[in-house]
Amino acid sequence: MEPQFNPAGQTENWQTKVKRFIKETVRVIRVTKKPGKTEYLSIVKVTGIGILLIGLLGFLIFLIKQLLF
């Protein structure tokens, strides 16, 4: 891992990295929000469709392999 440089041209020590990480984490937590019911349901639907399609594709590949060999 390369050392990171701040604008003053000095390498950051571990305390500065930890402070910066905590500051960025707090900023992200402030920006995030709990999804509403409609947003949650649409995410569940899209995820479920994706899981079903991947499972169907895997089953079809397995079936073709069993029939050919």
N, C-alpha and C. Protein backbone atom coordinates (compact mmCIF):
# COMPACT_ATOMS: atom_id res chain seq x y z
N MET A 1 0.84 -1.17 0.00
CA MET A 1 0.00 0.00 0.00
C MET A 1 0.89 1.24 0.00
N GLU A 2 0.62 2.16 -0.90
CA GLU A 2 1.41 3.37 -0.99
C GLU A 2 1.02 4.34 0.11
N PRO A 3 1.99 5.08 0.64
CA PRO A 3 1.62 6.09 1.63
C PRO A 3 0.86 7.22 0.98
N GLN A 4 -0.16 7.71 1.68
CA GLN A 4 -0.96 8.81 1.15
C GLN A 4 -0.37 10.12 1.60
N PHE A 5 -0.44 11.11 0.74
CA PHE A 5 0.13 12.41 1.06
C PHE A 5 -0.97 13.43 1.23
N ASN A 6 -0.82 14.29 2.22
CA ASN A 6 -1.75 15.37 2.42
C ASN A 6 -1.24 16.60 1.66
N PRO A 7 -2.02 17.66 1.59
CA PRO A 7 -1.58 18.83 0.81
C PRO A 7 -0.26 19.43 1.27
N ALA A 8 0.13 19.24 2.53
CA ALA A 8 1.39 19.81 3.02
C ALA A 8 2.59 18.99 2.54
N GLY A 9 2.33 17.82 1.94
CA GLY A 9 3.40 16.99 1.43
C GLY A 9 3.96 16.00 2.44
N GLN A 10 3.32 15.86 3.59
CA GLN A 10 3.78 14.93 4.61
C GLN A 10 2.90 13.68 4.58
N THR A 11 3.49 12.55 4.96
CA THR A 11 2.69 11.31 5.00
C THR A 11 1.77 11.35 6.21
N GLU A 12 0.60 10.71 6.06
CA GLU A 12 -0.37 10.68 7.15
C GLU A 12 -0.01 9.57 8.14
N ASN A 13 -0.15 9.84 9.42
CA ASN A 13 0.06 8.78 10.40
C ASN A 13 -1.26 8.06 10.64
N TRP A 14 -1.23 7.03 11.45
CA TRP A 14 -2.43 6.21 11.62
C TRP A 14 -3.53 6.95 12.37
N GLN A 15 -3.18 7.87 13.25
CA GLN A 15 -4.21 8.63 13.97
C GLN A 15 -5.01 9.51 13.00
N THR A 16 -4.31 10.12 12.06
CA THR A 16 -4.98 10.97 11.08
C THR A 16 -5.89 10.13 10.19
N LYS A 17 -5.43 8.94 9.82
CA LYS A 17 -6.25 8.05 8.98
C LYS A 17 -7.51 7.62 9.72
N VAL A 18 -7.37 7.30 11.01
CA VAL A 18 -8.53 6.88 11.80
C VAL A 18 -9.52 8.04 11.94
N LYS A 19 -9.02 9.23 12.22
CA LYS A 19 -9.90 10.40 12.35
C LYS A 19 -10.63 10.68 11.04
N ARG A 20 -9.91 10.58 9.92
CA ARG A 20 -10.52 10.83 8.62
C ARG A 20 -11.59 9.77 8.32
N PHE A 21 -11.28 8.50 8.67
CA PHE A 21 -12.24 7.42 8.45
C PHE A 21 -13.52 7.65 9.26
N ILE A 22 -13.36 8.03 10.53
CA ILE A 22 -14.52 8.28 11.39
C ILE A 22 -15.34 9.45 10.84
N LYS A 23 -14.67 10.51 10.40
CA LYS A 23 -15.37 11.67 9.85
C LYS A 23 -16.17 11.29 8.60
N GLU A 24 -15.56 10.50 7.71
CA GLU A 24 -16.26 10.07 6.50
C GLU A 24 -17.42 9.12 6.82
N THR A 25 -17.23 8.26 7.82
CA THR A 25 -18.30 7.34 8.22
C THR A 25 -19.49 8.11 8.78
N VAL A 26 -19.25 9.10 9.61
CA VAL A 26 -20.34 9.91 10.17
C VAL A 26 -21.06 10.65 9.05
N ARG A 27 -20.32 11.15 8.06
CA ARG A 27 -20.94 11.86 6.94
C ARG A 27 -21.85 10.92 6.15
N VAL A 28 -21.40 9.70 5.90
CA VAL A 28 -22.21 8.73 5.15
C VAL A 28 -23.47 8.38 5.93
N ILE A 29 -23.35 8.18 7.23
CA ILE A 29 -24.51 7.82 8.05
C ILE A 29 -25.54 8.95 8.06
N ARG A 30 -25.07 10.20 8.06
CA ARG A 30 -26.00 11.33 8.02
C ARG A 30 -26.75 11.41 6.69
N VAL A 31 -26.09 11.03 5.60
CA VAL A 31 -26.69 11.15 4.27
C VAL A 31 -27.68 10.01 4.01
N THR A 32 -27.42 8.82 4.55
CA THR A 32 -28.28 7.67 4.26
C THR A 32 -29.63 7.82 4.92
N LYS A 33 -30.63 7.15 4.34
CA LYS A 33 -31.97 7.18 4.91
C LYS A 33 -32.61 5.81 4.76
N LYS A 34 -33.59 5.55 5.59
CA LYS A 34 -34.31 4.29 5.55
C LYS A 34 -35.24 4.32 4.34
N PRO A 35 -35.26 3.24 3.53
CA PRO A 35 -36.14 3.25 2.36
C PRO A 35 -37.61 3.19 2.76
N GLY A 36 -38.47 3.81 1.95
CA GLY A 36 -39.90 3.75 2.18
C GLY A 36 -40.45 2.40 1.78
N LYS A 37 -41.73 2.20 2.03
CA LYS A 37 -42.35 0.90 1.74
C LYS A 37 -42.30 0.57 0.25
N THR A 38 -42.64 1.54 -0.61
CA THR A 38 -42.65 1.28 -2.05
C THR A 38 -41.25 1.01 -2.58
N GLU A 39 -40.26 1.78 -2.09
CA GLU A 39 -38.88 1.56 -2.52
C GLU A 39 -38.40 0.18 -2.07
N TYR A 40 -38.72 -0.19 -0.84
CA TYR A 40 -38.32 -1.50 -0.31
C TYR A 40 -38.95 -2.63 -1.12
N LEU A 41 -40.24 -2.51 -1.42
CA LEU A 41 -40.91 -3.56 -2.19
C LEU A 41 -40.33 -3.69 -3.60
N SER A 42 -39.98 -2.58 -4.22
CA SER A 42 -39.39 -2.66 -5.56
C SER A 42 -38.01 -3.31 -5.50
N ILE A 43 -37.23 -3.02 -4.46
CA ILE A 43 -35.92 -3.66 -4.31
C ILE A 43 -36.09 -5.16 -4.10
N VAL A 44 -37.07 -5.56 -3.29
CA VAL A 44 -37.33 -6.98 -3.05
C VAL A 44 -37.74 -7.68 -4.34
N LYS A 45 -38.60 -7.03 -5.13
CA LYS A 45 -39.04 -7.63 -6.40
C LYS A 45 -37.89 -7.82 -7.36
N VAL A 46 -37.08 -6.79 -7.54
CA VAL A 46 -35.95 -6.88 -8.48
C VAL A 46 -34.95 -7.93 -8.02
N THR A 47 -34.67 -7.98 -6.71
CA THR A 47 -33.74 -8.97 -6.19
C THR A 47 -34.29 -10.38 -6.38
N GLY A 48 -35.58 -10.56 -6.10
CA GLY A 48 -36.20 -11.87 -6.27
C GLY A 48 -36.18 -12.34 -7.72
N ILE A 49 -36.49 -11.43 -8.64
CA ILE A 49 -36.44 -11.78 -10.07
C ILE A 49 -35.02 -12.17 -10.47
N GLY A 50 -34.03 -11.42 -9.98
CA GLY A 50 -32.63 -11.75 -10.30
C GLY A 50 -32.24 -13.12 -9.77
N ILE A 51 -32.63 -13.43 -8.55
CA ILE A 51 -32.31 -14.74 -7.97
C ILE A 51 -32.98 -15.85 -8.77
N LEU A 52 -34.25 -15.64 -9.14
CA LEU A 52 -34.96 -16.66 -9.93
C LEU A 52 -34.31 -16.87 -11.29
N LEU A 53 -33.91 -15.79 -11.96
CA LEU A 53 -33.28 -15.92 -13.28
C LEU A 53 -31.94 -16.65 -13.19
N ILE A 54 -31.14 -16.33 -12.18
CA ILE A 54 -29.85 -17.00 -12.03
C ILE A 54 -30.07 -18.48 -11.70
N GLY A 55 -31.05 -18.78 -10.85
CA GLY A 55 -31.35 -20.17 -10.53
C GLY A 55 -31.86 -20.94 -11.74
N LEU A 56 -32.72 -20.30 -12.52
CA LEU A 56 -33.23 -20.94 -13.74
C LEU A 56 -32.11 -21.20 -14.73
N LEU A 57 -31.21 -20.23 -14.89
CA LEU A 57 -30.09 -20.41 -15.79
C LEU A 57 -29.20 -21.56 -15.33
N GLY A 58 -28.92 -21.63 -14.05
CA GLY A 58 -28.12 -22.73 -13.51
C GLY A 58 -28.80 -24.07 -13.70
N PHE A 59 -30.12 -24.12 -13.50
CA PHE A 59 -30.85 -25.37 -13.69
C PHE A 59 -30.83 -25.81 -15.15
N LEU A 60 -31.01 -24.84 -16.07
CA LEU A 60 -30.97 -25.18 -17.49
C LEU A 60 -29.60 -25.70 -17.91
N ILE A 61 -28.54 -25.09 -17.41
CA ILE A 61 -27.20 -25.58 -17.73
C ILE A 61 -27.00 -26.99 -17.17
N PHE A 62 -27.46 -27.22 -15.96
CA PHE A 62 -27.36 -28.56 -15.36
C PHE A 62 -28.15 -29.57 -16.18
N LEU A 63 -29.37 -29.20 -16.59
CA LEU A 63 -30.22 -30.10 -17.36
C LEU A 63 -29.60 -30.45 -18.70
N ILE A 64 -29.07 -29.44 -19.38
CA ILE A 64 -28.41 -29.68 -20.68
C ILE A 64 -27.20 -30.59 -20.51
N LYS A 65 -26.43 -30.35 -19.45
CA LYS A 65 -25.25 -31.19 -19.19
C LYS A 65 -25.67 -32.64 -18.95
N GLN A 66 -26.75 -32.86 -18.19
CA GLN A 66 -27.22 -34.22 -17.90
C GLN A 66 -27.73 -34.91 -19.17
N LEU A 67 -28.39 -34.15 -20.03
CA LEU A 67 -28.94 -34.75 -21.25
C LEU A 67 -27.85 -35.08 -22.27
N LEU A 68 -26.80 -34.27 -22.32
CA LEU A 68 -25.75 -34.49 -23.32
C LEU A 68 -24.73 -35.56 -22.89
N PHE A 69 -24.50 -35.71 -21.60
CA PHE A 69 -23.45 -36.66 -21.18
C PHE A 69 -24.02 -37.80 -20.42
